[in-house]
Amino acid sequence: MSNGLRLVHYKDDSTQMVALNIAYNVGAKDEHPEHTGFAHLFEHLMFGGSENIPDYDAPLQMAGGENNAWTNNDITNYYLTVPTQNVEIGFWLESDRMLGLRFDTHSLEVQRDVVMEEFKQRCLNQPYGDVSHLMRPLAYKTHPYQWPTIGKDLSHIADATMDQVKDFFYTHYAPNNAVLAVTGGIEFDEAVRLTEKWFGGIPSREVPERSYQQEAPQTEEQRLVVERNVPLDTLFMAFHMCDRSNPDYYAFDILSDVLSNGASSRLIQRLVKDRQVFSSVDAYISGSIDSGLFHISGKPATDISLDEAEAAICHELQLLQTELVGEEELEKVKNKFESTQIFGNISYLNVATNLAWFELHGKAEDVNTEVEKYRAVTAEQLMRVAKEAFDKKNRVVLHYKKSPAV
């Protein structure tokens, strides 16, 4: 569209529902270091009423629709589903809150309290709730991934002013900083007509280019030991990995599945079932757009120290560095991913979310090549990536200990 909004569409004849997914190219990494948590705050403020619609939820519910949203360090994503015959209500609702929110003191105070309570519940009053606040600053010294989506400190939301909130909205919530995906029981021409009708009059805004510093390579291991009122000692490890656009991203994802996806995966089979070093263990990647982290975490079994547990993990990583992953093991992981992709894209709502995400960071058609990119990963590539990444100097380790008083 002339105002910069990008529309992607997919017709699904199997449903009489329509999904609207709007992905805004703003996340926690776009926040000021002293005013964090704003992207997450807006996930809530966007449901607090817009310029012409004081109550977002009521009209949608009356139309038989549902909605939700999520935020991470890279993007903020809003979606709704509505019966095809009531689809224009969805366009009306989403366009009005893109145009402008109802910035009143009461709405800000209500949503601020909600976000602050969520911060307290998730990060302060829950066992291991502060892990992200501890690990991220260890891993990132310059890049804004150094704080989690919920914010660096509770005071940043508590002290947020109306001017700061308005500035964040009009800086990032713009048609030229968003992708609208429309999927389900709606024709392309109708999706275009309604998009032009409801979004065409929203002016584009001056969205600043991202200018944060990329993280320099880590040159020495980062370690931290903390004691908390938690039930069990827990090990948290992370290794720096490539960004989302790098072909090695798919190798890292496969390595995480080789280690911990399913009962027959290496860490589950060897360290939980056979050797009983851990009671539970997991490996996963952050999935971030910029250079991310390869995470491993686990709770050692009774009488196993964190040092012993860490040594067991390091041994398994060393095997990945020195021995090629077998053809059958690699094929099993690839097959599992392909089936997940196929079944995941059966839902018209999942398709809308995926199309918006891929269009925001490249082009929507890239969703069709994901399986090929995983299929292209070789055992030799996995070994090379393991050698490069699972190096001690590239490692972040947190020993999260049960307080002696517990």
Protein backbone atom coordinates (compact mmCIF):
# COMPACT_ATOMS: atom_id res chain seq x y z
CA MET A 1 0.00 0.00 0.00
CA SER A 2 1.07 3.62 -0.47
CA ASN A 3 1.52 4.10 3.29
CA GLY A 4 3.97 1.18 3.47
CA LEU A 5 1.71 -1.50 4.94
CA ARG A 6 2.40 -4.90 3.41
CA LEU A 7 -0.49 -7.32 2.86
CA VAL A 8 -0.07 -11.08 2.43
CA HIS A 9 -3.00 -13.40 1.77
CA TYR A 10 -3.77 -17.10 1.68
CA LYS A 11 -7.18 -18.55 0.78
CA ASP A 12 -8.21 -21.64 2.75
CA ASP A 13 -11.40 -23.18 1.37
CA SER A 14 -11.69 -25.61 4.29
CA THR A 15 -12.84 -22.94 6.76
CA GLN A 16 -15.46 -20.24 7.08
CA MET A 17 -13.24 -18.32 9.48
CA VAL A 18 -10.69 -15.61 8.73
CA ALA A 19 -7.49 -14.79 10.60
CA LEU A 20 -5.94 -11.34 10.67
CA ASN A 21 -2.37 -11.28 11.93
CA ILE A 22 -0.46 -8.02 12.26
CA ALA A 23 3.24 -8.24 13.00
CA TYR A 24 4.92 -4.99 14.03
CA ASN A 25 8.66 -4.76 13.52
CA VAL A 26 9.30 -3.69 17.11
CA GLY A 27 10.41 -5.71 20.11
CA ALA A 28 12.30 -5.37 23.34
CA LYS A 29 15.54 -4.73 21.44
CA ASP A 30 14.10 -1.40 20.25
CA GLU A 31 13.69 -0.04 23.78
CA HIS A 32 15.87 2.52 25.53
CA PRO A 33 18.10 0.73 28.09
CA GLU A 34 16.59 2.84 30.87
CA HIS A 35 12.99 2.41 29.66
CA THR A 36 12.66 -1.33 29.07
CA GLY A 37 9.48 -3.40 29.03
CA PHE A 38 7.67 -0.95 26.73
CA ALA A 39 7.12 -3.43 23.88
CA HIS A 40 5.48 -5.80 26.33
CA LEU A 41 3.50 -2.96 27.91
CA PHE A 42 2.07 -2.14 24.48
CA GLU A 43 0.98 -5.71 24.00
CA HIS A 44 -1.45 -4.87 26.81
CA LEU A 45 -2.16 -1.21 25.96
CA MET A 46 -3.33 -2.20 22.47
CA PHE A 47 -6.33 -3.89 24.08
CA GLY A 48 -7.17 -0.86 26.25
CA GLY A 49 -9.15 1.00 23.62
CA SER A 50 -8.32 3.07 20.53
CA GLU A 51 -9.25 6.51 19.24
CA ASN A 52 -12.74 5.57 18.04
CA ILE A 53 -13.33 2.24 19.79
CA PRO A 54 -13.21 2.46 23.61
CA ASP A 55 -13.60 -1.31 24.10
CA TYR A 56 -11.67 -3.59 21.73
CA ASP A 57 -12.91 -6.96 23.01
CA ALA A 58 -16.68 -6.42 23.12
CA PRO A 59 -17.33 -5.91 19.37
CA LEU A 60 -15.09 -8.84 18.46
CA GLN A 61 -16.77 -11.18 20.93
CA MET A 62 -20.22 -10.15 19.67
CA ALA A 63 -19.02 -11.01 16.15
CA GLY A 64 -17.94 -14.48 17.28
CA GLY A 65 -14.24 -13.68 17.21
CA GLU A 66 -11.22 -14.25 19.44
CA ASN A 67 -7.88 -12.50 19.76
CA ASN A 68 -4.51 -12.56 21.45
CA ALA A 69 -0.97 -11.22 21.15
CA TRP A 70 2.65 -11.97 22.02
CA THR A 71 5.90 -10.08 22.19
CA ASN A 72 9.54 -11.07 22.03
CA ASN A 73 12.82 -9.24 21.66
CA ASP A 74 12.34 -8.85 17.90
CA ILE A 75 8.67 -8.33 17.08
CA THR A 76 5.21 -7.74 18.53
CA ASN A 77 2.43 -9.87 17.07
CA TYR A 78 -1.35 -9.39 17.24
CA TYR A 79 -3.94 -11.74 15.81
CA LEU A 80 -7.67 -12.32 15.73
CA THR A 81 -10.03 -14.85 14.21
CA VAL A 82 -13.57 -14.06 13.12
CA PRO A 83 -16.31 -15.71 11.01
CA THR A 84 -16.02 -14.76 7.35
CA GLN A 85 -19.35 -12.91 7.33
CA ASN A 86 -18.09 -10.63 10.11
CA VAL A 87 -14.56 -10.14 8.81
CA GLU A 88 -14.91 -6.38 8.32
CA ILE A 89 -15.19 -5.97 12.08
CA GLY A 90 -11.67 -7.37 12.34
CA PHE A 91 -10.31 -4.84 9.82
CA TRP A 92 -12.14 -2.03 11.62
CA LEU A 93 -10.70 -2.98 15.02
CA GLU A 94 -7.12 -3.49 13.89
CA SER A 95 -6.95 -0.37 11.76
CA ASP A 96 -8.29 1.88 14.49
CA ARG A 97 -5.70 0.87 17.02
CA MET A 98 -2.95 1.23 14.42
CA LEU A 99 -4.27 4.74 13.78
CA GLY A 100 -4.01 5.69 17.44
CA LEU A 101 -4.68 4.45 20.95
CA ARG A 102 -6.91 6.05 23.56
CA PHE A 103 -4.07 7.50 25.58
CA ASP A 104 -5.76 8.29 28.86
CA THR A 105 -4.30 8.10 32.34
CA HIS A 106 -6.74 5.43 33.53
CA SER A 107 -5.91 3.02 30.70
CA LEU A 108 -2.18 3.48 31.26
CA GLU A 109 -2.50 2.90 35.01
CA VAL A 110 -4.62 -0.23 34.55
CA GLN A 111 -2.28 -1.83 32.03
CA ARG A 112 0.82 -0.70 33.92
CA ASP A 113 -0.51 -2.47 37.03
CA VAL A 114 -1.22 -5.62 34.99
CA VAL A 115 2.30 -5.67 33.55
CA MET A 116 3.92 -4.96 36.91
CA GLU A 117 1.95 -7.77 38.52
CA GLU A 118 3.01 -10.11 35.72
CA PHE A 119 6.65 -9.09 36.29
CA LYS A 120 6.32 -9.88 39.99
CA GLN A 121 4.63 -13.23 39.42
CA ARG A 122 6.93 -14.45 36.66
CA CYS A 123 10.28 -13.00 37.71
CA LEU A 124 10.23 -12.24 41.44
CA ASN A 125 7.81 -14.71 43.03
CA GLN A 126 8.43 -17.82 40.94
CA PRO A 127 11.30 -20.28 41.34
CA TYR A 128 14.03 -19.62 38.74
CA GLY A 129 12.00 -16.62 37.51
CA ASP A 130 15.07 -14.39 37.30
CA VAL A 131 17.16 -16.73 35.12
CA SER A 132 16.73 -14.61 32.01
CA HIS A 133 17.70 -11.49 33.98
CA LEU A 134 20.88 -13.27 35.06
CA MET A 135 21.86 -15.04 31.84
CA ARG A 136 21.25 -12.30 29.29
CA PRO A 137 23.64 -9.71 30.78
CA LEU A 138 26.28 -12.43 31.01
CA ALA A 139 25.91 -13.24 27.33
CA TYR A 140 25.29 -9.77 25.88
CA LYS A 141 27.40 -6.74 26.76
CA THR A 142 26.35 -4.33 23.98
CA HIS A 143 23.36 -5.77 22.10
CA PRO A 144 19.88 -5.00 23.54
CA TYR A 145 19.18 -8.73 23.88
CA GLN A 146 20.80 -8.16 27.28
CA TRP A 147 17.35 -7.71 28.84
CA PRO A 148 14.25 -9.93 28.55
CA THR A 149 10.99 -8.90 26.90
CA ILE A 150 9.27 -8.27 30.20
CA GLY A 151 11.86 -5.59 31.01
CA LYS A 152 15.13 -5.13 32.79
CA ASP A 153 13.71 -3.69 36.00
CA LEU A 154 10.24 -3.27 37.51
CA SER A 155 10.86 0.46 37.98
CA HIS A 156 11.09 1.02 34.22
CA ILE A 157 7.37 0.31 33.84
CA ALA A 158 6.43 1.84 37.18
CA ASP A 159 8.04 5.13 36.15
CA ALA A 160 6.82 5.19 32.53
CA THR A 161 5.30 8.56 31.65
CA MET A 162 2.48 9.24 29.21
CA ASP A 163 4.87 11.16 26.94
CA GLN A 164 7.29 8.20 26.82
CA VAL A 165 4.44 5.81 26.04
CA LYS A 166 3.07 8.02 23.25
CA ASP A 167 6.52 8.47 21.78
CA PHE A 168 7.10 4.71 21.68
CA PHE A 169 3.77 4.13 19.94
CA TYR A 170 4.13 6.79 17.25
CA THR A 171 7.76 5.77 16.65
CA HIS A 172 7.10 2.08 16.03
CA TYR A 173 3.39 1.39 15.51
CA ALA A 174 3.08 2.47 11.91
CA PRO A 175 1.75 0.93 8.69
CA ASN A 176 5.23 1.17 7.18
CA ASN A 177 6.57 -0.88 10.10
CA ALA A 178 4.03 -3.69 9.92
CA VAL A 179 2.78 -6.66 7.91
CA LEU A 180 -0.88 -7.69 7.74
CA ALA A 181 -1.53 -11.34 6.92
CA VAL A 182 -5.09 -12.36 6.05
CA THR A 183 -5.89 -16.06 5.72
CA GLY A 184 -8.89 -18.37 5.73
CA GLY A 185 -12.25 -18.11 4.01
CA ILE A 186 -11.71 -14.83 2.21
CA GLU A 187 -10.84 -14.03 -1.41
CA PHE A 188 -7.74 -12.05 -2.28
CA ASP A 189 -9.69 -9.21 -3.92
CA GLU A 190 -11.87 -8.83 -0.83
CA ALA A 191 -8.83 -8.79 1.45
CA VAL A 192 -7.27 -6.05 -0.70
CA ARG A 193 -10.51 -4.03 -0.75
CA LEU A 194 -10.95 -4.13 3.01
CA THR A 195 -7.28 -3.39 3.66
CA GLU A 196 -7.40 -0.31 1.43
CA LYS A 197 -10.69 0.79 2.95
CA TRP A 198 -9.65 0.53 6.58
CA PHE A 199 -5.87 0.92 6.55
CA GLY A 200 -5.32 3.09 3.48
CA GLY A 201 -5.98 6.37 5.30
CA ILE A 202 -3.47 5.75 8.10
CA PRO A 203 -0.41 7.91 7.45
CA SER A 204 3.05 6.42 7.35
CA ARG A 205 5.39 7.52 10.12
CA GLU A 206 9.08 8.20 10.44
CA VAL A 207 10.38 4.92 11.77
CA PRO A 208 14.04 5.24 12.74
CA GLU A 209 16.55 2.74 11.39
CA ARG A 210 17.82 0.32 14.00
CA SER A 211 21.29 1.43 15.04
CA TYR A 212 22.24 -0.75 18.00
CA GLN A 213 25.62 -2.40 18.17
CA GLN A 214 25.97 -6.04 17.20
CA GLU A 215 27.55 -8.20 19.88
CA ALA A 216 31.28 -8.77 19.52
CA PRO A 217 32.51 -12.39 19.69
CA GLN A 218 32.86 -13.59 23.28
CA THR A 219 36.52 -14.19 24.16
CA GLU A 220 36.24 -15.86 27.56
CA GLU A 221 33.77 -17.97 29.49
CA GLN A 222 31.17 -16.12 31.56
CA ARG A 223 30.12 -17.78 34.84
CA LEU A 224 27.82 -16.94 37.71
CA VAL A 225 26.73 -18.76 40.87
CA VAL A 226 23.62 -17.68 42.77
CA GLU A 227 21.67 -19.05 45.72
CA ARG A 228 17.91 -18.72 45.86
CA ASN A 229 14.92 -20.09 47.70
CA VAL A 230 14.25 -22.84 45.15
CA PRO A 231 13.53 -26.56 45.49
CA LEU A 232 16.46 -27.92 43.45
CA ASP A 233 19.86 -26.96 42.11
CA THR A 234 19.68 -26.25 38.39
CA LEU A 235 22.26 -25.86 35.66
CA PHE A 236 21.86 -23.27 32.91
CA MET A 237 24.28 -23.05 29.99
CA ALA A 238 24.27 -21.01 26.79
CA PHE A 239 26.52 -20.72 23.76
CA HIS A 240 26.52 -17.87 21.27
CA MET A 241 25.19 -18.84 17.84
CA CYS A 242 24.53 -17.21 14.48
CA ASP A 243 21.62 -14.96 13.45
CA ARG A 244 18.36 -16.20 11.91
CA SER A 245 19.42 -15.55 8.30
CA ASN A 246 22.61 -17.66 8.49
CA PRO A 247 22.42 -21.17 6.94
CA ASP A 248 24.04 -22.49 10.14
CA TYR A 249 20.89 -21.49 12.03
CA TYR A 250 19.26 -24.71 10.78
CA ALA A 251 22.25 -26.74 11.92
CA PHE A 252 21.96 -25.30 15.43
CA ASP A 253 18.26 -26.10 15.49
CA ILE A 254 18.95 -29.69 14.43
CA LEU A 255 21.69 -30.02 17.06
CA SER A 256 19.22 -28.96 19.76
CA ASP A 257 16.83 -31.66 18.57
CA VAL A 258 19.58 -34.29 18.42
CA LEU A 259 20.28 -33.49 22.06
CA SER A 260 16.83 -33.26 23.58
CA ASN A 261 13.85 -33.65 21.25
CA GLY A 262 12.06 -36.81 22.29
CA ALA A 263 12.67 -39.81 24.53
CA SER A 264 15.39 -41.24 22.27
CA SER A 265 17.38 -37.99 22.03
CA ARG A 266 20.92 -38.05 23.40
CA LEU A 267 20.58 -36.08 26.62
CA ILE A 268 17.31 -37.76 27.59
CA GLN A 269 18.47 -41.27 26.74
CA ARG A 270 22.01 -41.07 28.10
CA LEU A 271 21.90 -38.57 30.97
CA VAL A 272 18.35 -39.04 32.26
CA LYS A 273 17.54 -42.68 31.57
CA ASP A 274 20.87 -44.50 31.39
CA ARG A 275 23.29 -42.65 33.66
CA GLN A 276 20.64 -40.81 35.73
CA VAL A 277 22.76 -37.67 35.95
CA PHE A 278 19.70 -35.45 35.45
CA SER A 279 16.08 -35.75 36.46
CA SER A 280 15.23 -33.47 33.53
CA VAL A 281 17.26 -31.74 30.82
CA ASP A 282 16.53 -29.64 27.75
CA ALA A 283 18.32 -28.01 24.81
CA TYR A 284 16.85 -25.35 22.55
CA ILE A 285 17.75 -22.27 20.52
CA SER A 286 16.52 -18.75 21.17
CA GLY A 287 15.22 -18.35 17.61
CA SER A 288 16.13 -14.65 17.58
CA ILE A 289 16.67 -12.54 14.47
CA ASP A 290 20.12 -11.29 15.48
CA SER A 291 22.85 -13.56 16.84
CA GLY A 292 21.16 -15.74 19.42
CA LEU A 293 21.90 -18.34 22.07
CA PHE A 294 21.95 -22.13 22.15
CA HIS A 295 20.51 -23.03 25.56
CA ILE A 296 20.97 -26.14 27.69
CA SER A 297 19.36 -26.47 31.11
CA GLY A 298 18.74 -29.30 33.52
CA LYS A 299 18.06 -30.35 37.08
CA PRO A 300 20.68 -32.81 38.38
CA ALA A 301 19.48 -36.00 39.99
CA THR A 302 19.82 -36.51 43.74
CA ASP A 303 23.44 -36.56 44.93
CA ILE A 304 24.74 -35.23 41.56
CA SER A 305 26.54 -31.89 41.90
CA LEU A 306 26.21 -29.06 39.42
CA ASP A 307 29.88 -29.55 38.50
CA GLU A 308 29.27 -33.23 37.70
CA ALA A 309 26.17 -32.37 35.72
CA GLU A 310 28.04 -29.71 33.76
CA ALA A 311 30.86 -32.16 33.00
CA ALA A 312 28.34 -34.69 31.65
CA ILE A 313 26.85 -32.08 29.32
CA CYS A 314 30.30 -31.04 28.12
CA HIS A 315 31.12 -34.66 27.32
CA GLU A 316 28.04 -34.97 25.12
CA LEU A 317 28.92 -31.73 23.34
CA GLN A 318 32.45 -32.99 22.78
CA LEU A 319 31.05 -36.08 21.06
CA LEU A 320 29.23 -33.80 18.63
CA GLN A 321 32.54 -32.07 17.92
CA THR A 322 34.47 -35.28 17.25
CA GLU A 323 31.97 -37.78 15.81
CA LEU A 324 29.62 -37.36 12.88
CA VAL A 325 25.92 -37.66 13.68
CA GLY A 326 24.71 -40.91 12.14
CA GLU A 327 22.59 -40.86 9.00
CA GLU A 328 19.60 -42.52 10.68
CA GLU A 329 19.69 -40.18 13.68
CA LEU A 330 19.92 -37.12 11.44
CA GLU A 331 17.13 -38.32 9.17
CA LYS A 332 14.86 -38.93 12.16
CA VAL A 333 15.30 -35.35 13.36
CA LYS A 334 14.69 -33.95 9.87
CA ASN A 335 11.55 -36.06 9.47
CA LYS A 336 10.22 -34.86 12.80
CA PHE A 337 10.76 -31.24 11.81
CA GLU A 338 9.09 -31.74 8.43
CA SER A 339 6.02 -33.33 10.01
CA THR A 340 5.85 -30.48 12.54
CA GLN A 341 5.95 -27.96 9.70
CA ILE A 342 3.26 -29.74 7.71
CA PHE A 343 0.85 -30.19 10.61
CA GLY A 344 1.61 -26.71 11.94
CA ASN A 345 0.55 -25.11 8.67
CA ILE A 346 -2.79 -26.92 8.50
CA SER A 347 -4.31 -24.22 10.70
CA TYR A 348 -5.24 -21.03 8.84
CA LEU A 349 -4.24 -19.04 11.93
CA ASN A 350 -0.76 -20.57 12.04
CA VAL A 351 -0.39 -19.81 8.34
CA ALA A 352 -1.28 -16.16 8.98
CA THR A 353 1.30 -15.88 11.76
CA ASN A 354 4.00 -17.56 9.68
CA LEU A 355 3.33 -15.50 6.57
CA ALA A 356 3.49 -12.25 8.54
CA TRP A 357 6.73 -13.25 10.23
CA PHE A 358 8.48 -14.30 7.02
CA GLU A 359 7.30 -11.23 5.12
CA LEU A 360 8.51 -8.97 7.91
CA HIS A 361 12.02 -10.40 7.72
CA GLY A 362 12.30 -11.23 4.04
CA LYS A 363 9.44 -12.45 1.90
CA ALA A 364 6.38 -14.52 2.72
CA GLU A 365 7.29 -17.18 0.14
CA ASP A 366 10.28 -18.16 2.28
CA VAL A 367 7.89 -20.18 4.44
CA ASN A 368 7.85 -22.74 1.60
CA THR A 369 11.62 -23.31 1.68
CA GLU A 370 12.12 -23.93 5.40
CA VAL A 371 11.93 -27.71 5.07
CA GLU A 372 14.45 -27.64 2.21
CA LYS A 373 16.89 -25.67 4.36
CA TYR A 374 16.67 -28.23 7.16
CA ARG A 375 16.96 -31.06 4.65
CA ALA A 376 20.17 -29.49 3.28
CA VAL A 377 22.02 -29.71 6.62
CA THR A 378 24.74 -32.36 6.60
CA ALA A 379 26.49 -34.31 9.35
CA GLU A 380 29.73 -32.53 8.42
CA GLN A 381 28.05 -29.15 8.88
CA LEU A 382 26.77 -30.22 12.29
CA MET A 383 30.27 -31.20 13.39
CA ARG A 384 31.77 -27.93 12.15
CA VAL A 385 29.11 -25.86 13.90
CA ALA A 386 29.57 -27.86 17.11
CA LYS A 387 33.33 -27.29 17.02
CA GLU A 388 32.91 -23.56 16.50
CA ALA A 389 30.11 -22.97 19.00
CA PHE A 390 30.66 -25.41 21.86
CA ASP A 391 33.97 -23.87 22.81
CA LYS A 392 34.64 -22.96 26.43
CA LYS A 393 35.34 -19.31 25.62
CA ASN A 394 31.95 -19.09 23.87
CA ARG A 395 30.11 -20.43 26.91
CA VAL A 396 27.86 -18.81 29.52
CA VAL A 397 27.21 -20.86 32.67
CA LEU A 398 24.85 -20.23 35.56
CA HIS A 399 24.85 -22.48 38.63
CA TYR A 400 21.52 -21.81 40.26
CA LYS A 401 21.76 -23.28 43.75
CA LYS A 402 19.21 -24.15 46.33
CA SER A 403 19.73 -21.96 49.39
CA PRO A 404 21.06 -23.90 52.41
CA ALA A 405 18.16 -22.52 54.43
CA VAL A 406 15.64 -24.40 52.30
